[in-house]
Amino acid sequence: MIYSSVLSAVVSALAAECIDSTAKQAWQKLIDLDTARVGAGSNAHQRMQVDCWVFARLHRELIPRHWNALVARYSTHNGRKVEAIGRLAPIIASPASRLFVYKAVTAWAIPPLKGAEGKRSSKMIVLPAEFYDMNTWDLEANHERTRRRWRQAVGVVLDEMVSEALRAAEVILAGEGVLLSHAA
């Protein structure tokens, strides 16, 4: 099986552990998973095996901060996402308090969902709207402009980590020949 891009490989691999193997409804069988991943000759079981292999390979080969950045940003596994957030927050250098940095990392990893208001039927993490109020992040009541600058700086660092992680993942996956652009 060959992935169309590094991002599709990462997202697919991180979603693999949350995919169930239960029987599907008729309408669910109509969705063609091969549109996201090239490999028309592979069945669902083979795709799952490759996704799990890519997951293990990336987990082993990437440095911890890169792995945690990808998991925090793209994983659908709530436990792993929360764990990654907890590991990323302490390594972010910022003049802001640790509480502020932790909440900024959490807000970056779990953006607000429109219309969710904490009552979504999916198993995704949905934080209350009050969580995203930066006034609750800073107990020292710094200026709004300062808080926005801090939040933006944390987001820039995290986005750079994700970009670095995707470049490192591309090297790993290209070496394995599972990317369309590097396929033999």
N, C-alpha and C. Protein backbone atom coordinates (compact mmCIF):
# COMPACT_ATOMS: atom_id res chain seq x y z
N MET A 1 0.85 -1.18 0.00
CA MET A 1 0.00 0.00 0.00
C MET A 1 0.89 1.23 0.00
N ILE A 2 0.46 2.25 -0.71
CA ILE A 2 1.22 3.48 -0.83
C ILE A 2 0.32 4.65 -0.43
N TYR A 3 0.86 5.57 0.37
CA TYR A 3 0.13 6.75 0.82
C TYR A 3 0.37 7.90 -0.14
N SER A 4 -0.63 8.74 -0.33
CA SER A 4 -0.51 9.85 -1.26
C SER A 4 0.37 10.97 -0.72
N SER A 5 0.48 11.09 0.61
CA SER A 5 1.32 12.14 1.21
C SER A 5 1.76 11.70 2.60
N VAL A 6 2.70 12.43 3.14
CA VAL A 6 3.17 12.14 4.50
C VAL A 6 2.04 12.37 5.49
N LEU A 7 1.31 13.46 5.31
CA LEU A 7 0.22 13.77 6.24
C LEU A 7 -0.85 12.68 6.22
N SER A 8 -1.19 12.17 5.05
CA SER A 8 -2.20 11.11 5.00
C SER A 8 -1.69 9.84 5.69
N ALA A 9 -0.41 9.57 5.56
CA ALA A 9 0.17 8.40 6.24
C ALA A 9 0.13 8.58 7.75
N VAL A 10 0.49 9.76 8.22
CA VAL A 10 0.51 10.03 9.67
C VAL A 10 -0.90 9.97 10.24
N VAL A 11 -1.84 10.64 9.60
CA VAL A 11 -3.22 10.66 10.09
C VAL A 11 -3.81 9.26 10.08
N SER A 12 -3.57 8.53 9.02
CA SER A 12 -4.10 7.17 8.91
C SER A 12 -3.50 6.26 9.97
N ALA A 13 -2.19 6.38 10.18
CA ALA A 13 -1.53 5.56 11.19
C ALA A 13 -2.01 5.90 12.60
N LEU A 14 -2.18 7.19 12.88
CA LEU A 14 -2.63 7.58 14.22
C LEU A 14 -4.09 7.21 14.46
N ALA A 15 -4.87 7.12 13.39
CA ALA A 15 -6.27 6.74 13.54
C ALA A 15 -6.45 5.23 13.62
N ALA A 16 -5.43 4.48 13.24
CA ALA A 16 -5.55 3.03 13.16
C ALA A 16 -5.95 2.39 14.48
N GLU A 17 -5.44 2.91 15.59
CA GLU A 17 -5.75 2.26 16.87
C GLU A 17 -7.17 2.56 17.36
N CYS A 18 -7.83 3.51 16.73
CA CYS A 18 -9.20 3.83 17.13
C CYS A 18 -10.23 3.24 16.18
N ILE A 19 -9.78 2.59 15.14
CA ILE A 19 -10.70 1.99 14.18
C ILE A 19 -11.14 0.64 14.72
N ASP A 20 -12.43 0.43 14.74
CA ASP A 20 -12.93 -0.86 15.23
C ASP A 20 -13.15 -1.82 14.07
N SER A 21 -13.24 -3.07 14.40
CA SER A 21 -13.44 -4.08 13.36
C SER A 21 -14.85 -4.67 13.42
N THR A 22 -15.77 -3.93 13.98
CA THR A 22 -17.14 -4.41 14.07
C THR A 22 -17.82 -4.34 12.72
N ALA A 23 -18.91 -5.05 12.58
CA ALA A 23 -19.67 -5.05 11.33
C ALA A 23 -20.21 -3.65 11.08
N LYS A 24 -20.20 -3.24 9.83
CA LYS A 24 -20.62 -1.90 9.45
C LYS A 24 -22.04 -1.90 8.87
N GLN A 25 -22.65 -0.75 8.97
CA GLN A 25 -23.94 -0.54 8.34
C GLN A 25 -23.74 -0.49 6.83
N ALA A 26 -24.80 -0.67 6.07
CA ALA A 26 -24.70 -0.67 4.62
C ALA A 26 -24.17 0.66 4.09
N TRP A 27 -24.60 1.80 4.65
CA TRP A 27 -24.13 3.09 4.17
C TRP A 27 -22.66 3.31 4.46
N GLN A 28 -22.13 2.70 5.54
CA GLN A 28 -20.72 2.85 5.87
C GLN A 28 -19.83 2.11 4.88
N LYS A 29 -20.35 1.05 4.28
CA LYS A 29 -19.57 0.28 3.32
C LYS A 29 -19.43 1.02 1.99
N LEU A 30 -20.25 2.04 1.78
CA LEU A 30 -20.19 2.80 0.53
C LEU A 30 -19.01 3.76 0.49
N ILE A 31 -18.43 4.07 1.62
CA ILE A 31 -17.31 5.00 1.68
C ILE A 31 -16.06 4.29 1.17
N ASP A 32 -15.41 4.89 0.17
CA ASP A 32 -14.23 4.29 -0.43
C ASP A 32 -12.98 4.84 0.25
N LEU A 33 -12.36 4.03 1.09
CA LEU A 33 -11.15 4.45 1.79
C LEU A 33 -9.96 4.60 0.87
N ASP A 34 -10.01 4.03 -0.32
CA ASP A 34 -8.90 4.11 -1.23
C ASP A 34 -8.76 5.50 -1.87
N THR A 35 -9.76 6.38 -1.70
CA THR A 35 -9.62 7.72 -2.24
C THR A 35 -8.60 8.51 -1.42
N ALA A 36 -8.44 8.19 -0.15
CA ALA A 36 -7.46 8.86 0.68
C ALA A 36 -6.10 8.18 0.60
N ARG A 37 -6.09 6.89 0.30
CA ARG A 37 -4.84 6.13 0.22
C ARG A 37 -4.84 5.33 -1.08
N VAL A 38 -3.77 5.43 -1.79
CA VAL A 38 -3.66 4.69 -3.03
C VAL A 38 -3.33 3.25 -2.71
N GLY A 39 -3.98 2.33 -3.34
CA GLY A 39 -3.75 0.91 -3.08
C GLY A 39 -5.01 0.13 -3.32
N ALA A 40 -5.55 0.25 -4.50
CA ALA A 40 -6.85 -0.33 -4.79
C ALA A 40 -6.89 -1.84 -4.59
N GLY A 41 -5.74 -2.50 -4.65
CA GLY A 41 -5.73 -3.94 -4.51
C GLY A 41 -5.72 -4.42 -3.07
N SER A 42 -5.71 -3.51 -2.12
CA SER A 42 -5.61 -3.93 -0.72
C SER A 42 -6.99 -3.90 -0.06
N ASN A 43 -7.20 -4.85 0.84
CA ASN A 43 -8.47 -4.87 1.56
C ASN A 43 -8.31 -4.13 2.89
N ALA A 44 -9.39 -4.02 3.63
CA ALA A 44 -9.37 -3.26 4.88
C ALA A 44 -8.39 -3.85 5.89
N HIS A 45 -8.30 -5.16 5.94
CA HIS A 45 -7.38 -5.79 6.88
C HIS A 45 -5.92 -5.46 6.54
N GLN A 46 -5.58 -5.48 5.26
CA GLN A 46 -4.22 -5.15 4.83
C GLN A 46 -3.91 -3.68 5.11
N ARG A 47 -4.88 -2.80 4.85
CA ARG A 47 -4.68 -1.38 5.14
C ARG A 47 -4.44 -1.17 6.62
N MET A 48 -5.20 -1.87 7.46
CA MET A 48 -5.04 -1.75 8.90
C MET A 48 -3.64 -2.21 9.33
N GLN A 49 -3.18 -3.31 8.76
CA GLN A 49 -1.85 -3.81 9.09
C GLN A 49 -0.77 -2.81 8.72
N VAL A 50 -0.87 -2.23 7.54
CA VAL A 50 0.12 -1.24 7.11
C VAL A 50 0.05 0.00 7.98
N ASP A 51 -1.16 0.46 8.30
CA ASP A 51 -1.31 1.61 9.19
C ASP A 51 -0.66 1.35 10.55
N CYS A 52 -0.87 0.17 11.08
CA CYS A 52 -0.28 -0.18 12.38
C CYS A 52 1.24 -0.27 12.28
N TRP A 53 1.74 -0.78 11.17
CA TRP A 53 3.18 -0.85 10.96
C TRP A 53 3.78 0.55 10.88
N VAL A 54 3.12 1.45 10.14
CA VAL A 54 3.59 2.84 10.02
C VAL A 54 3.56 3.51 11.39
N PHE A 55 2.50 3.28 12.15
CA PHE A 55 2.40 3.82 13.51
C PHE A 55 3.62 3.40 14.34
N ALA A 56 3.91 2.11 14.34
CA ALA A 56 5.03 1.58 15.14
C ALA A 56 6.36 2.13 14.64
N ARG A 57 6.51 2.20 13.34
CA ARG A 57 7.77 2.69 12.76
C ARG A 57 8.00 4.15 13.13
N LEU A 58 7.00 4.97 12.97
CA LEU A 58 7.14 6.39 13.31
C LEU A 58 7.36 6.58 14.80
N HIS A 59 6.64 5.82 15.62
CA HIS A 59 6.80 5.93 17.07
C HIS A 59 8.22 5.60 17.49
N ARG A 60 8.80 4.61 16.85
CA ARG A 60 10.16 4.19 17.20
C ARG A 60 11.22 5.14 16.64
N GLU A 61 11.03 5.64 15.44
CA GLU A 61 12.06 6.41 14.75
C GLU A 61 12.06 7.91 15.07
N LEU A 62 10.90 8.48 15.31
CA LEU A 62 10.84 9.92 15.57
C LEU A 62 11.33 10.24 16.98
N ILE A 63 11.93 11.42 17.13
CA ILE A 63 12.33 11.83 18.48
C ILE A 63 11.05 12.14 19.27
N PRO A 64 11.09 12.04 20.60
CA PRO A 64 9.86 12.17 21.39
C PRO A 64 9.07 13.46 21.14
N ARG A 65 9.73 14.59 21.02
CA ARG A 65 8.95 15.83 20.84
C ARG A 65 8.23 15.83 19.50
N HIS A 66 8.84 15.25 18.46
CA HIS A 66 8.17 15.17 17.16
C HIS A 66 6.98 14.23 17.23
N TRP A 67 7.18 13.07 17.84
CA TRP A 67 6.08 12.11 17.99
C TRP A 67 4.94 12.74 18.77
N ASN A 68 5.26 13.38 19.88
CA ASN A 68 4.21 13.99 20.72
C ASN A 68 3.49 15.11 19.99
N ALA A 69 4.21 15.89 19.18
CA ALA A 69 3.56 16.97 18.42
C ALA A 69 2.57 16.38 17.42
N LEU A 70 2.96 15.31 16.73
CA LEU A 70 2.04 14.68 15.77
C LEU A 70 0.83 14.08 16.47
N VAL A 71 1.06 13.41 17.59
CA VAL A 71 -0.05 12.79 18.33
C VAL A 71 -1.00 13.86 18.86
N ALA A 72 -0.45 14.91 19.44
CA ALA A 72 -1.30 15.98 19.99
C ALA A 72 -2.14 16.63 18.89
N ARG A 73 -1.56 16.80 17.72
CA ARG A 73 -2.25 17.50 16.64
C ARG A 73 -3.23 16.60 15.87
N TYR A 74 -2.84 15.34 15.59
CA TYR A 74 -3.60 14.54 14.65
C TYR A 74 -4.24 13.27 15.21
N SER A 75 -3.91 12.86 16.40
CA SER A 75 -4.44 11.60 16.90
C SER A 75 -5.93 11.70 17.22
N THR A 76 -6.61 10.58 17.04
CA THR A 76 -8.02 10.50 17.42
C THR A 76 -8.18 9.71 18.71
N HIS A 77 -7.09 9.25 19.27
CA HIS A 77 -7.11 8.50 20.52
C HIS A 77 -6.99 9.52 21.67
N ASN A 78 -8.07 9.68 22.41
CA ASN A 78 -8.11 10.73 23.43
C ASN A 78 -7.02 10.58 24.49
N GLY A 79 -6.78 9.37 24.94
CA GLY A 79 -5.76 9.15 25.96
C GLY A 79 -4.38 9.53 25.48
N ARG A 80 -4.03 9.11 24.27
CA ARG A 80 -2.72 9.46 23.71
C ARG A 80 -2.60 10.95 23.47
N LYS A 81 -3.68 11.58 23.03
CA LYS A 81 -3.67 13.02 22.78
C LYS A 81 -3.41 13.78 24.08
N VAL A 82 -4.09 13.43 25.14
CA VAL A 82 -3.91 14.09 26.43
C VAL A 82 -2.49 13.86 26.97
N GLU A 83 -2.00 12.63 26.81
CA GLU A 83 -0.64 12.31 27.24
C GLU A 83 0.39 13.14 26.47
N ALA A 84 0.20 13.28 25.18
CA ALA A 84 1.12 14.07 24.35
C ALA A 84 1.09 15.54 24.75
N ILE A 85 -0.09 16.05 25.05
CA ILE A 85 -0.20 17.45 25.50
C ILE A 85 0.60 17.63 26.78
N GLY A 86 0.45 16.68 27.70
CA GLY A 86 1.17 16.74 28.97
C GLY A 86 2.68 16.66 28.79
N ARG A 87 3.15 16.02 27.75
CA ARG A 87 4.59 15.93 27.50
C ARG A 87 5.12 17.12 26.72
N LEU A 88 4.27 17.76 25.93
CA LEU A 88 4.72 18.92 25.17
C LEU A 88 4.78 20.20 26.01
N ALA A 89 3.80 20.39 26.87
CA ALA A 89 3.72 21.65 27.63
C ALA A 89 4.99 21.98 28.40
N PRO A 90 5.63 21.03 29.10
CA PRO A 90 6.83 21.38 29.85
C PRO A 90 8.04 21.76 29.00
N ILE A 91 8.07 21.39 27.72
CA ILE A 91 9.25 21.69 26.92
C ILE A 91 9.10 22.97 26.10
N ILE A 92 7.98 23.67 26.25
CA ILE A 92 7.76 24.93 25.55
C ILE A 92 8.34 26.06 26.39
N ALA A 93 9.32 26.76 25.84
CA ALA A 93 9.92 27.90 26.54
C ALA A 93 9.03 29.12 26.33
N SER A 94 8.64 29.74 27.42
CA SER A 94 7.76 30.90 27.34
C SER A 94 7.86 31.71 28.63
N PRO A 95 7.72 33.04 28.53
CA PRO A 95 7.69 33.85 29.75
C PRO A 95 6.37 33.71 30.51
N ALA A 96 5.40 33.07 29.89
CA ALA A 96 4.09 32.87 30.52
C ALA A 96 4.19 31.80 31.61
N SER A 97 3.19 31.78 32.46
CA SER A 97 3.15 30.78 33.54
C SER A 97 2.95 29.38 32.95
N ARG A 98 3.26 28.37 33.73
CA ARG A 98 3.10 26.99 33.27
C ARG A 98 1.63 26.69 32.98
N LEU A 99 0.73 27.25 33.79
CA LEU A 99 -0.71 27.06 33.56
C LEU A 99 -1.09 27.61 32.19
N PHE A 100 -0.61 28.81 31.87
CA PHE A 100 -0.92 29.44 30.60
C PHE A 100 -0.41 28.58 29.44
N VAL A 101 0.84 28.12 29.55
CA VAL A 101 1.43 27.32 28.48
C VAL A 101 0.65 26.01 28.32
N TYR A 102 0.32 25.36 29.43
CA TYR A 102 -0.43 24.10 29.35
C TYR A 102 -1.78 24.32 28.67
N LYS A 103 -2.47 25.38 29.03
CA LYS A 103 -3.78 25.63 28.41
C LYS A 103 -3.64 26.04 26.96
N ALA A 104 -2.56 26.77 26.61
CA ALA A 104 -2.33 27.15 25.22
C ALA A 104 -2.04 25.92 24.37
N VAL A 105 -1.24 24.99 24.90
CA VAL A 105 -0.95 23.75 24.18
C VAL A 105 -2.23 22.94 24.01
N THR A 106 -3.03 22.87 25.05
CA THR A 106 -4.29 22.12 24.99
C THR A 106 -5.24 22.73 23.96
N ALA A 107 -5.35 24.06 23.96
CA ALA A 107 -6.23 24.73 23.00
C ALA A 107 -5.73 24.54 21.56
N TRP A 108 -4.42 24.46 21.38
CA TRP A 108 -3.85 24.22 20.05
C TRP A 108 -4.16 22.79 19.60
N ALA A 109 -4.02 21.84 20.50
CA ALA A 109 -4.23 20.43 20.16
C ALA A 109 -5.71 20.06 20.05
N ILE A 110 -6.55 20.75 20.80
CA ILE A 110 -7.99 20.47 20.80
C ILE A 110 -8.73 21.77 20.50
N PRO A 111 -8.75 22.18 19.24
CA PRO A 111 -9.42 23.43 18.90
C PRO A 111 -10.92 23.33 19.15
N PRO A 112 -11.56 24.48 19.38
CA PRO A 112 -13.01 24.43 19.62
C PRO A 112 -13.76 23.96 18.37
N LEU A 113 -14.77 23.15 18.60
CA LEU A 113 -15.60 22.66 17.51
C LEU A 113 -16.86 23.52 17.43
N LYS A 114 -17.16 24.00 16.25
CA LYS A 114 -18.34 24.83 16.07
C LYS A 114 -19.60 24.02 16.33
N GLY A 115 -20.47 24.56 17.14
CA GLY A 115 -21.74 23.91 17.42
C GLY A 115 -21.67 22.75 18.39
N ALA A 116 -20.50 22.48 18.94
CA ALA A 116 -20.36 21.31 19.80
C ALA A 116 -20.90 21.59 21.19
N GLU A 117 -20.44 22.66 21.81
CA GLU A 117 -20.87 23.05 23.15
C GLU A 117 -20.91 21.90 24.14
N GLY A 118 -19.95 21.00 24.01
CA GLY A 118 -19.81 19.92 24.96
C GLY A 118 -20.84 18.81 24.85
N LYS A 119 -21.68 18.83 23.82
CA LYS A 119 -22.75 17.85 23.72
C LYS A 119 -22.62 17.02 22.45
N ARG A 120 -21.43 16.84 21.98
CA ARG A 120 -21.22 16.09 20.75
C ARG A 120 -21.36 14.60 21.02
N SER A 121 -21.94 13.89 20.08
CA SER A 121 -22.16 12.46 20.28
C SER A 121 -20.91 11.63 19.98
N SER A 122 -19.93 12.25 19.31
CA SER A 122 -18.72 11.48 18.99
C SER A 122 -17.87 11.29 20.23
N LYS A 123 -16.83 10.52 20.09
CA LYS A 123 -15.96 10.24 21.22
C LYS A 123 -14.78 11.20 21.28
N MET A 124 -14.83 12.25 20.49
CA MET A 124 -13.76 13.25 20.50
C MET A 124 -13.83 14.07 21.79
N ILE A 125 -12.68 14.59 22.17
CA ILE A 125 -12.63 15.47 23.33
C ILE A 125 -13.27 16.80 22.94
N VAL A 126 -14.23 17.24 23.71
CA VAL A 126 -14.87 18.53 23.50
C VAL A 126 -14.75 19.31 24.79
N LEU A 127 -14.01 20.41 24.73
CA LEU A 127 -13.82 21.25 25.92
C LEU A 127 -14.91 22.31 25.96
N PRO A 128 -15.30 22.72 27.16
CA PRO A 128 -16.31 23.79 27.25
C PRO A 128 -15.77 25.10 26.67
N ALA A 129 -16.65 25.93 26.18
CA ALA A 129 -16.24 27.20 25.56
C ALA A 129 -15.44 28.07 26.53
N GLU A 130 -15.72 27.96 27.82
CA GLU A 130 -15.00 28.77 28.82
C GLU A 130 -13.51 28.43 28.85
N PHE A 131 -13.16 27.22 28.46
CA PHE A 131 -11.75 26.82 28.48
C PHE A 131 -10.91 27.72 27.58
N TYR A 132 -11.46 28.17 26.47
CA TYR A 132 -10.72 28.95 25.48
C TYR A 132 -10.63 30.43 25.84
N ASP A 133 -11.20 30.83 26.97
CA ASP A 133 -11.11 32.21 27.44
C ASP A 133 -9.75 32.42 28.10
N MET A 134 -8.88 33.20 27.46
CA MET A 134 -7.52 33.39 27.98
C MET A 134 -7.48 34.11 29.32
N ASN A 135 -8.57 34.75 29.71
CA ASN A 135 -8.61 35.40 31.03
C ASN A 135 -8.45 34.39 32.15
N THR A 136 -8.86 33.15 31.91
CA THR A 136 -8.74 32.11 32.93
C THR A 136 -7.37 31.43 32.91
N TRP A 137 -6.57 31.72 31.90
CA TRP A 137 -5.26 31.09 31.78
C TRP A 137 -4.18 31.81 32.57
N ASP A 138 -4.39 33.08 32.82
CA ASP A 138 -3.35 33.92 33.43
C ASP A 138 -3.83 34.46 34.77
N LEU A 139 -3.33 33.89 35.83
CA LEU A 139 -3.75 34.30 37.17
C LEU A 139 -3.17 35.65 37.58
N GLU A 140 -2.15 36.13 36.85
CA GLU A 140 -1.52 37.41 37.17
C GLU A 140 -2.17 38.58 36.44
N ALA A 141 -3.18 38.33 35.64
CA ALA A 141 -3.96 39.34 34.93
C ALA A 141 -3.08 40.27 34.09
N ASN A 142 -2.25 39.68 33.25
CA ASN A 142 -1.45 40.47 32.31
C ASN A 142 -2.36 41.06 31.24
N HIS A 143 -1.82 42.00 30.49
CA HIS A 143 -2.60 42.66 29.44
C HIS A 143 -3.04 41.66 28.38
N GLU A 144 -4.16 41.97 27.76
CA GLU A 144 -4.71 41.12 26.70
C GLU A 144 -3.68 40.94 25.57
N ARG A 145 -3.02 42.03 25.20
CA ARG A 145 -2.03 41.97 24.13
C ARG A 145 -0.89 41.01 24.48
N THR A 146 -0.48 41.03 25.73
CA THR A 146 0.59 40.14 26.19
C THR A 146 0.14 38.69 26.11
N ARG A 147 -1.07 38.42 26.59
CA ARG A 147 -1.58 37.05 26.53
C ARG A 147 -1.71 36.56 25.10
N ARG A 148 -2.17 37.40 24.19
CA ARG A 148 -2.28 37.01 22.78
C ARG A 148 -0.90 36.72 22.18
N ARG A 149 0.08 37.55 22.53
CA ARG A 149 1.44 37.34 22.04
C ARG A 149 1.98 36.00 22.55
N TRP A 150 1.76 35.71 23.82
CA TRP A 150 2.22 34.45 24.40
C TRP A 150 1.56 33.26 23.71
N ARG A 151 0.25 33.36 23.53
CA ARG A 151 -0.48 32.24 22.89
C ARG A 151 0.00 32.04 21.46
N GLN A 152 0.19 33.13 20.74
CA GLN A 152 0.68 33.02 19.37
C GLN A 152 2.07 32.40 19.33
N ALA A 153 2.94 32.78 20.25
CA ALA A 153 4.30 32.23 20.30
C ALA A 153 4.27 30.73 20.58
N VAL A 154 3.42 30.30 21.48
CA VAL A 154 3.28 28.87 21.77
C VAL A 154 2.79 28.14 20.53
N GLY A 155 1.81 28.69 19.85
CA GLY A 155 1.29 28.08 18.63
C GLY A 155 2.34 27.99 17.53
N VAL A 156 3.17 29.02 17.39
CA VAL A 156 4.23 29.01 16.38
C VAL A 156 5.24 27.90 16.68
N VAL A 157 5.63 27.77 17.94
CA VAL A 157 6.57 26.71 18.33
C VAL A 157 5.98 25.33 18.03
N LEU A 158 4.73 25.14 18.37
CA LEU A 158 4.08 23.85 18.14
C LEU A 158 3.92 23.55 16.64
N ASP A 159 3.56 24.56 15.87
CA ASP A 159 3.43 24.38 14.42
C ASP A 159 4.79 24.04 13.79
N GLU A 160 5.86 24.67 14.30
CA GLU A 160 7.20 24.35 13.81
C GLU A 160 7.58 22.91 14.17
N MET A 161 7.20 22.48 15.37
CA MET A 161 7.46 21.09 15.76
C MET A 161 6.75 20.11 14.83
N VAL A 162 5.51 20.41 14.49
CA VAL A 162 4.74 19.54 13.59
C VAL A 162 5.39 19.52 12.22
N SER A 163 5.82 20.68 11.73
CA SER A 163 6.49 20.74 10.42
C SER A 163 7.78 19.92 10.42
N GLU A 164 8.58 20.07 11.48
CA GLU A 164 9.81 19.28 11.61
C GLU A 164 9.48 17.79 11.66
N ALA A 165 8.44 17.45 12.41
CA ALA A 165 8.06 16.05 12.56
C ALA A 165 7.60 15.46 11.23
N LEU A 166 6.85 16.23 10.45
CA LEU A 166 6.40 15.74 9.15
C LEU A 166 7.57 15.56 8.19
N ARG A 167 8.55 16.46 8.26
CA ARG A 167 9.75 16.30 7.42
C ARG A 167 10.52 15.04 7.83
N ALA A 168 10.66 14.83 9.14
CA ALA A 168 11.36 13.64 9.62
C ALA A 168 10.58 12.37 9.24
N ALA A 169 9.26 12.42 9.34
CA ALA A 169 8.43 11.28 8.97
C ALA A 169 8.54 11.00 7.47
N GLU A 170 8.64 12.06 6.67
CA GLU A 170 8.78 11.87 5.23
C GLU A 170 10.06 11.12 4.90
N VAL A 171 11.16 11.45 5.59
CA VAL A 171 12.42 10.75 5.37
C VAL A 171 12.26 9.26 5.70
N ILE A 172 11.62 8.98 6.82
CA ILE A 172 11.42 7.59 7.26
C ILE A 172 10.53 6.84 6.26
N LEU A 173 9.40 7.43 5.90
CA LEU A 173 8.45 6.76 5.02
C LEU A 173 8.96 6.65 3.59
N ALA A 174 9.71 7.65 3.14
CA ALA A 174 10.30 7.58 1.80
C ALA A 174 11.32 6.45 1.75
N GLY A 175 12.07 6.29 2.81
CA GLY A 175 13.04 5.21 2.88
C GLY A 175 12.39 3.84 2.83
N GLU A 176 11.17 3.77 3.33
CA GLU A 176 10.43 2.50 3.31
C GLU A 176 9.66 2.30 2.01
N GLY A 177 9.58 3.35 1.19
CA GLY A 177 8.90 3.25 -0.11
C GLY A 177 7.39 3.22 -0.02
N VAL A 178 6.82 3.83 1.00
CA VAL A 178 5.36 3.81 1.12
C VAL A 178 4.70 5.13 0.75
N LEU A 179 5.48 6.07 0.20
CA LEU A 179 4.92 7.33 -0.26
C LEU A 179 4.82 7.33 -1.78
N LEU A 180 3.73 7.83 -2.30
CA LEU A 180 3.49 7.84 -3.74
C LEU A 180 4.62 8.57 -4.47
N SER A 181 5.07 9.68 -3.91
CA SER A 181 6.12 10.47 -4.57
C SER A 181 7.47 9.77 -4.58
N HIS A 182 7.65 8.77 -3.71
CA HIS A 182 8.93 8.05 -3.63
C HIS A 182 8.80 6.57 -3.97
N ALA A 183 7.68 6.19 -4.55
CA ALA A 183 7.46 4.77 -4.86
C ALA A 183 8.35 4.35 -6.05
N ALA A 184 8.77 3.12 -5.98
CA ALA A 184 9.64 2.61 -7.06
C ALA A 184 8.85 2.30 -8.31
